[in-house]
Amino acid sequence: MSGMWRDGNHLRLLINGEGYYPRVFECIRAARVEVLLETFIIREDKVGLELQEVLIEAARRGVRVVIAVDGYGTADLQNEYVAAMTREGVKIHVFDPAPRRFGMRTNLFRRLHRKIVVIDGERAFVGGINYSADHLGDYGEMAKQDYAVEVTGPIVADLHTCTLRLLRPALAGPSPVQANTQETGDARIMLLERDNERHTTDIEDEHLRVFELARKRIVIANAYFFPGYRVLRALRNAARRGVQVTLILQGQPDMRWVQAFSRLLYNYLLRDGVVIYEYCQRPLHGKVALVDDVWSTVGSSNLDPLSLALNLEANLVIQDRPFNQYLHDHLLELSAAHCKRIELERVIRGYWWRAPLVFLCFHFLRRFPAISGWLPAHRKTLKPLEPVDKASGYEEEKTG
């Protein structure tokens, strides 16, 4: 279910793989009945291998374990990795599998980009962290900065329902658990999905709503910042009426072309008082924001055309003053210690040669909602991932 406020929840912010993986793996090890997991990426590195281990242990205890991975993001799992799980009863499904053409992945659009884990219908995790070692600090200078939340309380029932709705075509029988709706804390939380059916603009609309109502501060830390024109205008208008609007964006990008697009927007925002920092310690992969003293969001949705108009995404919107303050303090420390502030004088230097690109960029953003309708559309296609005899069987089975 998307868009219903639930009272009485408890939540905890988990920062980077160091905060996320130990906690989610601990909870999977304690699972009694069911583990549902959706993710964009699983890699066969030390994180992917530990995930495999805890899921196999759970399946051996009789826990129903069901996974959905994206056919583009998780395109290279080897047969042995898959076989080790499926022979123990772990069910793995691929979202929108498609054949390679000339060695290239072709399923570029409308990806399963959300990251959700629901355990026993009692506890859930939502955020932007995939299962790969590049979310750990020891990965090196390209280790990602990212966020997730652990939640208990009535909101877990909504997460359980939305995950089952994606997996239902691939499931044999109903879920063995009834989601727990008992109150566990004081946080008010709403699950927002973006899909290609009924909830096409829910996440963007909620951002717009709170940006237009903001009176004190807006802080956004987002990996791939290239939002629609309505969002840009709402941020500029907020700054004009005296709201402190702060953006924390990539300064050490994992994809330089994405950073280049974001920088085309800087002049438009800076000249009306928006403060922009670029985070330079490591690639920023987070998708978090806060408005005033109560509202926050954590999830998988970037503020870019793919997330806002094409991908399957999931964000939690949170009304909780202590969580908002904790997230604000963290982002303030991040900006002070590891960011460089972008000044308008630097941006307008050489502006003459960028002006045509900026003009085209804004016309693209104005028209992207219509353009997105031209891109390949499809239903939520899940295909079971089963091991085959050949070493390259994952790819052959996935695309056959």
Protein backbone atom coordinates (compact mmCIF):
# COMPACT_ATOMS: atom_id res chain seq x y z
CA MET A 1 0.00 0.00 0.00
CA SER A 2 1.34 3.44 -0.94
CA GLY A 3 0.47 6.79 0.57
CA MET A 4 -1.13 5.99 3.95
CA TRP A 5 0.26 7.49 7.16
CA ARG A 6 0.90 4.94 9.93
CA ASP A 7 1.39 6.03 13.53
CA GLY A 8 3.35 4.25 16.25
CA ASN A 9 6.56 3.20 14.50
CA HIS A 10 10.16 2.97 15.61
CA LEU A 11 13.04 3.59 13.21
CA ARG A 12 16.78 3.80 13.11
CA LEU A 13 19.09 5.38 10.54
CA LEU A 14 21.78 3.05 9.17
CA ILE A 15 24.74 4.77 7.50
CA ASN A 16 26.79 3.02 4.81
CA GLY A 17 27.46 -0.68 4.56
CA GLU A 18 29.17 -0.65 7.97
CA GLY A 19 25.87 0.26 9.60
CA TYR A 20 23.55 -1.63 7.28
CA TYR A 21 25.00 -5.06 6.53
CA PRO A 22 25.72 -6.28 10.08
CA ARG A 23 22.23 -5.29 11.19
CA VAL A 24 20.28 -6.73 8.26
CA PHE A 25 22.30 -9.95 8.32
CA GLU A 26 21.77 -10.26 12.09
CA CYS A 27 18.01 -9.95 11.60
CA ILE A 28 17.96 -12.48 8.75
CA ARG A 29 19.84 -14.92 10.99
CA ALA A 30 17.09 -14.47 13.58
CA ALA A 31 14.22 -14.93 11.07
CA ARG A 32 11.68 -17.58 12.04
CA VAL A 33 9.17 -17.75 9.19
CA GLU A 34 9.84 -15.52 6.16
CA VAL A 35 12.43 -13.28 4.51
CA LEU A 36 11.38 -11.16 1.51
CA LEU A 37 14.15 -9.21 -0.23
CA GLU A 38 14.17 -6.85 -3.21
CA THR A 39 17.29 -5.20 -4.55
CA PHE A 40 18.79 -3.68 -7.65
CA ILE A 41 22.26 -5.23 -7.31
CA ILE A 42 23.80 -8.35 -5.79
CA ARG A 43 27.48 -8.93 -6.51
CA GLU A 44 29.58 -12.01 -5.78
CA ASP A 45 32.00 -10.22 -3.48
CA LYS A 46 32.37 -10.48 0.28
CA VAL A 47 29.01 -8.79 0.86
CA GLY A 48 27.18 -10.94 -1.68
CA LEU A 49 28.76 -14.07 -0.25
CA GLU A 50 27.69 -13.21 3.30
CA LEU A 51 24.18 -12.49 2.04
CA GLN A 52 24.17 -15.89 0.36
CA GLU A 53 25.33 -17.53 3.60
CA VAL A 54 22.65 -15.98 5.83
CA LEU A 55 19.88 -16.71 3.33
CA ILE A 56 20.94 -20.35 3.02
CA GLU A 57 21.06 -20.68 6.81
CA ALA A 58 17.53 -19.27 7.02
CA ALA A 59 16.20 -21.60 4.33
CA ARG A 60 17.72 -24.61 6.10
CA ARG A 61 15.80 -23.63 9.24
CA GLY A 62 12.58 -23.80 7.26
CA VAL A 63 12.21 -20.05 6.68
CA ARG A 64 10.59 -19.12 3.39
CA VAL A 65 13.19 -16.99 1.55
CA VAL A 66 12.16 -15.14 -1.60
CA ILE A 67 14.39 -12.70 -3.49
CA ALA A 68 13.71 -10.36 -6.41
CA VAL A 69 16.69 -8.84 -8.24
CA ASP A 70 16.78 -6.55 -11.23
CA GLY A 71 17.64 -7.99 -14.62
CA TYR A 72 19.89 -5.05 -15.46
CA GLY A 73 21.52 -4.36 -12.10
CA THR A 74 22.11 -8.02 -11.22
CA ALA A 75 23.07 -9.43 -14.59
CA ASP A 76 26.24 -11.36 -13.82
CA LEU A 77 25.63 -13.87 -11.02
CA GLN A 78 27.39 -17.13 -11.74
CA ASN A 79 25.63 -20.45 -11.89
CA GLU A 80 27.38 -21.76 -8.77
CA TYR A 81 26.26 -18.80 -6.67
CA VAL A 82 22.65 -19.28 -7.72
CA ALA A 83 22.71 -23.08 -7.37
CA ALA A 84 24.03 -22.93 -3.81
CA MET A 85 20.90 -21.01 -2.79
CA THR A 86 18.20 -22.62 -4.91
CA ARG A 87 19.09 -26.17 -3.92
CA GLU A 88 18.49 -25.16 -0.29
CA GLY A 89 15.07 -23.76 -1.16
CA VAL A 90 15.82 -20.06 -1.65
CA LYS A 91 13.55 -18.70 -4.39
CA ILE A 92 15.23 -16.15 -6.67
CA HIS A 93 13.37 -14.14 -9.28
CA VAL A 94 14.64 -11.69 -11.90
CA PHE A 95 12.68 -8.55 -12.73
CA ASP A 96 12.39 -7.89 -16.46
CA PRO A 97 15.08 -10.23 -17.81
CA ALA A 98 16.21 -9.40 -21.34
CA PRO A 99 18.83 -10.76 -23.75
CA ARG A 100 22.15 -9.07 -24.34
CA ARG A 101 22.83 -7.57 -27.75
CA PHE A 102 26.47 -7.50 -28.83
CA GLY A 103 27.42 -8.14 -25.21
CA MET A 104 25.44 -5.13 -23.94
CA ARG A 105 22.51 -5.19 -21.51
CA THR A 106 19.44 -3.93 -23.34
CA ASN A 107 16.86 -3.56 -20.54
CA LEU A 108 17.86 0.02 -19.72
CA PHE A 109 14.56 1.51 -18.59
CA ARG A 110 11.93 0.92 -15.89
CA ARG A 111 14.21 -0.97 -13.54
CA LEU A 112 13.47 -2.59 -10.17
CA HIS A 113 15.53 -0.03 -8.26
CA ARG A 114 13.99 -0.26 -4.79
CA LYS A 115 15.78 -1.93 -1.87
CA ILE A 116 13.49 -3.55 0.69
CA VAL A 117 13.86 -6.37 3.21
CA VAL A 118 10.89 -7.61 5.26
CA ILE A 119 11.50 -10.19 7.98
CA ASP A 120 8.68 -12.21 9.57
CA GLY A 121 6.27 -9.36 8.82
CA GLU A 122 7.67 -7.63 11.93
CA ARG A 123 10.79 -5.75 10.85
CA ALA A 124 11.84 -4.10 7.61
CA PHE A 125 14.71 -2.24 5.99
CA VAL A 126 14.36 0.41 3.27
CA GLY A 127 17.01 2.56 1.62
CA GLY A 128 19.47 2.91 -1.19
CA ILE A 129 22.10 0.31 -0.25
CA ASN A 130 22.73 -2.62 -2.60
CA TYR A 131 24.51 -5.86 -1.71
CA SER A 132 28.03 -5.11 -2.90
CA ALA A 133 31.36 -4.31 -1.30
CA ASP A 134 31.49 -0.83 -2.80
CA HIS A 135 29.26 0.32 0.06
CA LEU A 136 32.09 -0.40 2.55
CA GLY A 137 34.85 2.03 3.41
CA ASP A 138 37.64 -0.47 2.80
CA TYR A 139 36.62 -0.64 -0.87
CA GLY A 140 38.75 2.43 -1.42
CA GLU A 141 38.18 5.92 -2.76
CA MET A 142 35.12 4.81 -4.77
CA ALA A 143 33.29 3.42 -1.71
CA LYS A 144 29.76 4.85 -1.66
CA GLN A 145 28.16 7.09 0.98
CA ASP A 146 24.62 5.81 1.48
CA TYR A 147 21.67 5.39 3.85
CA ALA A 148 18.90 3.03 4.92
CA VAL A 149 16.43 2.79 7.79
CA GLU A 150 15.32 -0.11 9.94
CA VAL A 151 11.67 0.09 10.96
CA THR A 152 9.23 -1.75 13.20
CA GLY A 153 5.57 -1.01 13.82
CA PRO A 154 2.45 -0.73 11.63
CA ILE A 155 4.41 0.55 8.59
CA VAL A 156 5.94 -2.92 8.20
CA ALA A 157 2.54 -4.28 7.15
CA ASP A 158 2.52 -1.85 4.21
CA LEU A 159 6.05 -2.88 3.22
CA HIS A 160 5.07 -6.54 3.49
CA THR A 161 2.04 -5.96 1.27
CA CYS A 162 3.92 -4.02 -1.41
CA THR A 163 6.69 -6.62 -1.57
CA LEU A 164 4.20 -9.48 -1.81
CA ARG A 165 2.39 -7.61 -4.57
CA LEU A 166 5.57 -7.60 -6.67
CA LEU A 167 6.41 -11.22 -5.86
CA ARG A 168 2.91 -12.69 -5.95
CA PRO A 169 3.01 -13.88 -9.59
CA ALA A 170 6.07 -15.93 -8.69
CA LEU A 171 4.88 -17.28 -5.32
CA ALA A 172 3.27 -20.62 -4.62
CA GLY A 173 0.59 -19.94 -2.03
CA PRO A 174 0.01 -17.08 0.41
CA SER A 175 2.53 -15.64 2.82
CA PRO A 176 2.94 -17.77 5.96
CA VAL A 177 2.95 -14.68 8.18
CA GLN A 178 0.41 -12.07 9.18
CA ALA A 179 2.18 -8.72 9.36
CA ASN A 180 2.35 -7.32 12.89
CA THR A 181 0.58 -3.96 13.32
CA GLN A 182 1.50 -3.43 16.98
CA GLU A 183 2.84 0.05 17.78
CA THR A 184 6.53 0.15 18.72
CA GLY A 185 7.36 3.86 18.87
CA ASP A 186 6.26 7.41 18.18
CA ALA A 187 7.21 7.97 14.54
CA ARG A 188 4.59 8.61 11.89
CA ILE A 189 5.65 6.99 8.61
CA MET A 190 4.23 6.67 5.11
CA LEU A 191 5.41 4.32 2.38
CA LEU A 192 5.56 5.88 -1.08
CA GLU A 193 6.10 3.78 -4.17
CA ARG A 194 6.76 4.77 -7.76
CA ASP A 195 5.59 2.25 -10.32
CA ASN A 196 4.39 2.33 -13.92
CA GLU A 197 0.76 1.72 -13.04
CA ARG A 198 -1.14 3.62 -10.30
CA HIS A 199 1.69 5.36 -8.44
CA THR A 200 3.60 7.09 -11.20
CA THR A 201 4.26 10.43 -9.44
CA ASP A 202 3.69 9.76 -5.71
CA ILE A 203 7.30 10.35 -4.64
CA GLU A 204 7.77 13.49 -6.72
CA ASP A 205 4.39 14.88 -5.62
CA GLU A 206 5.26 14.47 -1.92
CA HIS A 207 8.57 16.28 -2.41
CA LEU A 208 6.76 19.11 -4.18
CA ARG A 209 4.13 19.34 -1.45
CA VAL A 210 6.62 19.77 1.39
CA PHE A 211 8.95 22.06 -0.58
CA GLU A 212 6.04 24.40 -1.19
CA LEU A 213 5.09 24.32 2.51
CA ALA A 214 8.64 24.69 3.88
CA ARG A 215 9.21 27.63 6.21
CA LYS A 216 12.64 27.09 7.76
CA ARG A 217 14.98 24.68 5.97
CA ILE A 218 15.26 22.13 3.19
CA VAL A 219 18.28 19.82 3.07
CA ILE A 220 18.69 17.32 0.23
CA ALA A 221 21.53 14.81 -0.12
CA ASN A 222 20.99 13.05 -3.43
CA ALA A 223 23.33 11.10 -5.65
CA TYR A 224 21.88 11.84 -9.07
CA PHE A 225 20.26 15.26 -9.00
CA PHE A 226 18.49 16.19 -12.23
CA PRO A 227 14.86 16.65 -11.17
CA GLY A 228 11.90 17.82 -13.15
CA TYR A 229 11.30 21.51 -13.70
CA ARG A 230 8.52 21.64 -11.08
CA VAL A 231 10.94 20.49 -8.36
CA LEU A 232 13.61 22.99 -9.41
CA ARG A 233 11.07 25.80 -9.39
CA ALA A 234 9.78 24.77 -5.95
CA LEU A 235 13.33 24.83 -4.52
CA ARG A 236 14.07 28.21 -6.07
CA ASN A 237 10.79 29.65 -4.81
CA ALA A 238 11.47 28.31 -1.31
CA ALA A 239 14.86 30.03 -1.26
CA ARG A 240 13.28 33.27 -2.49
CA ARG A 241 10.85 33.36 0.42
CA GLY A 242 13.67 32.89 2.95
CA VAL A 243 13.86 29.12 3.43
CA GLN A 244 17.43 27.87 3.87
CA VAL A 245 17.75 25.44 0.95
CA THR A 246 20.86 23.25 0.96
CA LEU A 247 21.81 20.63 -1.61
CA ILE A 248 24.57 18.07 -1.02
CA LEU A 249 25.50 16.50 -4.35
CA GLN A 250 28.27 14.41 -5.83
CA GLY A 251 31.73 15.96 -5.89
CA GLN A 252 33.54 12.68 -6.50
CA PRO A 253 31.17 11.10 -9.00
CA ASP A 254 30.84 7.44 -9.85
CA MET A 255 29.40 8.54 -13.23
CA ARG A 256 30.88 11.81 -14.46
CA TRP A 257 28.18 12.44 -17.05
CA VAL A 258 25.58 12.53 -14.25
CA GLN A 259 27.57 15.18 -12.39
CA ALA A 260 27.89 17.17 -15.60
CA PHE A 261 24.10 17.26 -16.00
CA SER A 262 23.63 18.34 -12.37
CA ARG A 263 26.08 21.21 -12.78
CA LEU A 264 24.02 22.63 -15.63
CA LEU A 265 21.38 23.45 -12.98
CA TYR A 266 23.68 25.23 -10.53
CA ASN A 267 23.39 28.77 -11.91
CA TYR A 268 19.58 28.61 -11.91
CA LEU A 269 19.55 27.61 -8.23
CA LEU A 270 22.50 29.59 -6.85
CA ARG A 271 21.33 32.96 -8.14
CA ASP A 272 18.22 32.71 -5.95
CA GLY A 273 20.07 31.73 -2.78
CA VAL A 274 20.15 27.92 -2.84
CA VAL A 275 23.33 26.64 -1.15
CA ILE A 276 25.10 23.82 -3.00
CA TYR A 277 27.81 21.58 -1.59
CA GLU A 278 29.67 18.86 -3.44
CA TYR A 279 30.65 15.90 -1.27
CA CYS A 280 34.23 15.00 -2.13
CA GLN A 281 35.32 12.22 0.24
CA ARG A 282 33.67 9.39 -1.73
CA PRO A 283 30.84 8.98 -4.26
CA LEU A 284 27.55 10.07 -2.72
CA HIS A 285 24.91 7.40 -3.35
CA GLY A 286 22.34 8.53 -0.76
CA LYS A 287 18.74 9.53 -1.39
CA VAL A 288 17.69 11.44 1.73
CA ALA A 289 16.04 14.78 2.44
CA LEU A 290 14.53 16.75 5.31
CA VAL A 291 12.21 19.73 5.52
CA ASP A 292 11.84 22.00 8.55
CA ASP A 293 11.97 20.18 11.93
CA VAL A 294 9.79 17.10 11.44
CA TRP A 295 9.63 15.77 7.83
CA SER A 296 12.30 13.45 6.41
CA THR A 297 12.58 10.85 3.69
CA VAL A 298 14.94 7.92 3.10
CA GLY A 299 14.67 5.50 0.22
CA SER A 300 15.84 4.38 -3.20
CA SER A 301 14.60 7.27 -5.35
CA ASN A 302 17.06 9.71 -6.82
CA LEU A 303 15.81 13.09 -7.97
CA ASP A 304 16.44 12.34 -11.62
CA PRO A 305 14.34 11.29 -14.63
CA LEU A 306 14.98 7.55 -14.21
CA SER A 307 13.78 7.44 -10.60
CA LEU A 308 10.98 9.99 -10.92
CA ALA A 309 9.46 8.75 -14.18
CA LEU A 310 10.65 5.21 -15.01
CA ASN A 311 12.00 2.99 -12.24
CA LEU A 312 10.22 1.07 -9.50
CA GLU A 313 11.19 2.93 -6.32
CA ALA A 314 10.28 2.95 -2.62
CA ASN A 315 10.78 5.73 -0.09
CA LEU A 316 9.69 6.08 3.49
CA VAL A 317 8.40 9.53 4.42
CA ILE A 318 8.90 10.16 8.14
CA GLN A 319 7.35 12.63 10.55
CA ASP A 320 9.54 12.43 13.63
CA ARG A 321 11.35 15.36 15.19
CA PRO A 322 14.27 13.41 16.79
CA PHE A 323 14.97 11.55 13.53
CA ASN A 324 14.86 14.78 11.54
CA GLN A 325 17.32 16.42 13.93
CA TYR A 326 19.65 13.41 13.91
CA LEU A 327 19.70 13.34 10.10
CA HIS A 328 20.19 17.11 9.97
CA ASP A 329 23.15 16.97 12.38
CA HIS A 330 24.74 14.20 10.36
CA LEU A 331 24.36 16.05 7.03
CA LEU A 332 25.62 19.29 8.59
CA GLU A 333 28.73 17.48 9.81
CA LEU A 334 29.16 15.86 6.40
CA SER A 335 28.98 19.19 4.61
CA ALA A 336 31.39 20.86 7.04
CA ALA A 337 34.02 18.11 7.02
CA HIS A 338 33.99 16.64 3.52
CA CYS A 339 32.28 19.07 1.13
CA LYS A 340 33.26 22.08 -0.93
CA ARG A 341 30.74 24.89 -1.30
CA ILE A 342 29.95 25.93 -4.86
CA GLU A 343 30.02 29.69 -5.36
CA LEU A 344 28.03 31.54 -8.01
CA GLU A 345 31.13 33.37 -9.27
CA ARG A 346 32.76 30.06 -10.10
CA VAL A 347 29.67 28.77 -11.89
CA ILE A 348 29.12 31.80 -14.11
CA ARG A 349 32.79 31.82 -15.19
CA GLY A 350 32.71 30.59 -18.77
CA TYR A 351 28.93 30.56 -18.67
CA TRP A 352 28.63 31.77 -22.29
CA TRP A 353 29.65 28.43 -23.75
CA ARG A 354 27.36 26.45 -21.40
CA ALA A 355 24.30 28.64 -22.01
CA PRO A 356 23.02 26.61 -25.01
CA LEU A 357 23.33 23.39 -22.98
CA VAL A 358 21.46 24.95 -20.06
CA PHE A 359 18.72 26.10 -22.43
CA LEU A 360 18.33 22.59 -23.87
CA CYS A 361 18.51 21.05 -20.39
CA PHE A 362 15.57 23.09 -19.06
CA HIS A 363 13.47 22.40 -22.12
CA PHE A 364 14.17 18.70 -21.66
CA LEU A 365 13.13 18.84 -18.00
CA ARG A 366 9.94 20.70 -18.85
CA ARG A 367 8.95 17.98 -21.32
CA PHE A 368 10.38 14.84 -19.75
CA PRO A 369 7.11 13.54 -18.27
CA ALA A 370 5.76 13.33 -21.82
CA ILE A 371 9.03 12.00 -23.24
CA SER A 372 9.08 9.17 -20.69
CA GLY A 373 5.91 7.79 -22.21
CA TRP A 374 7.79 7.11 -25.43
CA LEU A 375 10.32 4.84 -23.71
CA PRO A 376 9.80 1.05 -23.58
CA ALA A 377 6.97 0.09 -21.23
CA HIS A 378 6.31 -3.31 -19.77
CA ARG A 379 4.45 -5.15 -17.08
CA LYS A 380 6.12 -6.32 -13.89
CA THR A 381 7.80 -9.40 -15.34
CA LEU A 382 9.40 -11.82 -12.87
CA LYS A 383 11.20 -14.93 -14.05
CA PRO A 384 12.48 -17.63 -11.66
CA LEU A 385 16.24 -17.87 -11.64
CA GLU A 386 17.30 -21.52 -11.61
CA PRO A 387 20.77 -23.00 -11.98
CA VAL A 388 21.61 -24.87 -15.16
CA ASP A 389 24.49 -27.16 -16.02
CA LYS A 390 26.63 -24.73 -17.99
CA ALA A 391 28.97 -22.37 -16.18
CA SER A 392 27.41 -19.48 -18.05
CA GLY A 393 23.95 -20.77 -17.27
CA TYR A 394 22.74 -17.72 -15.36
CA GLU A 395 22.86 -15.52 -18.41
CA GLU A 396 21.49 -18.25 -20.69
CA GLU A 397 18.65 -19.14 -18.35
CA LYS A 398 17.87 -15.50 -17.61
CA THR A 399 17.52 -14.57 -21.28
CA GLY A 400 16.23 -17.78 -22.77
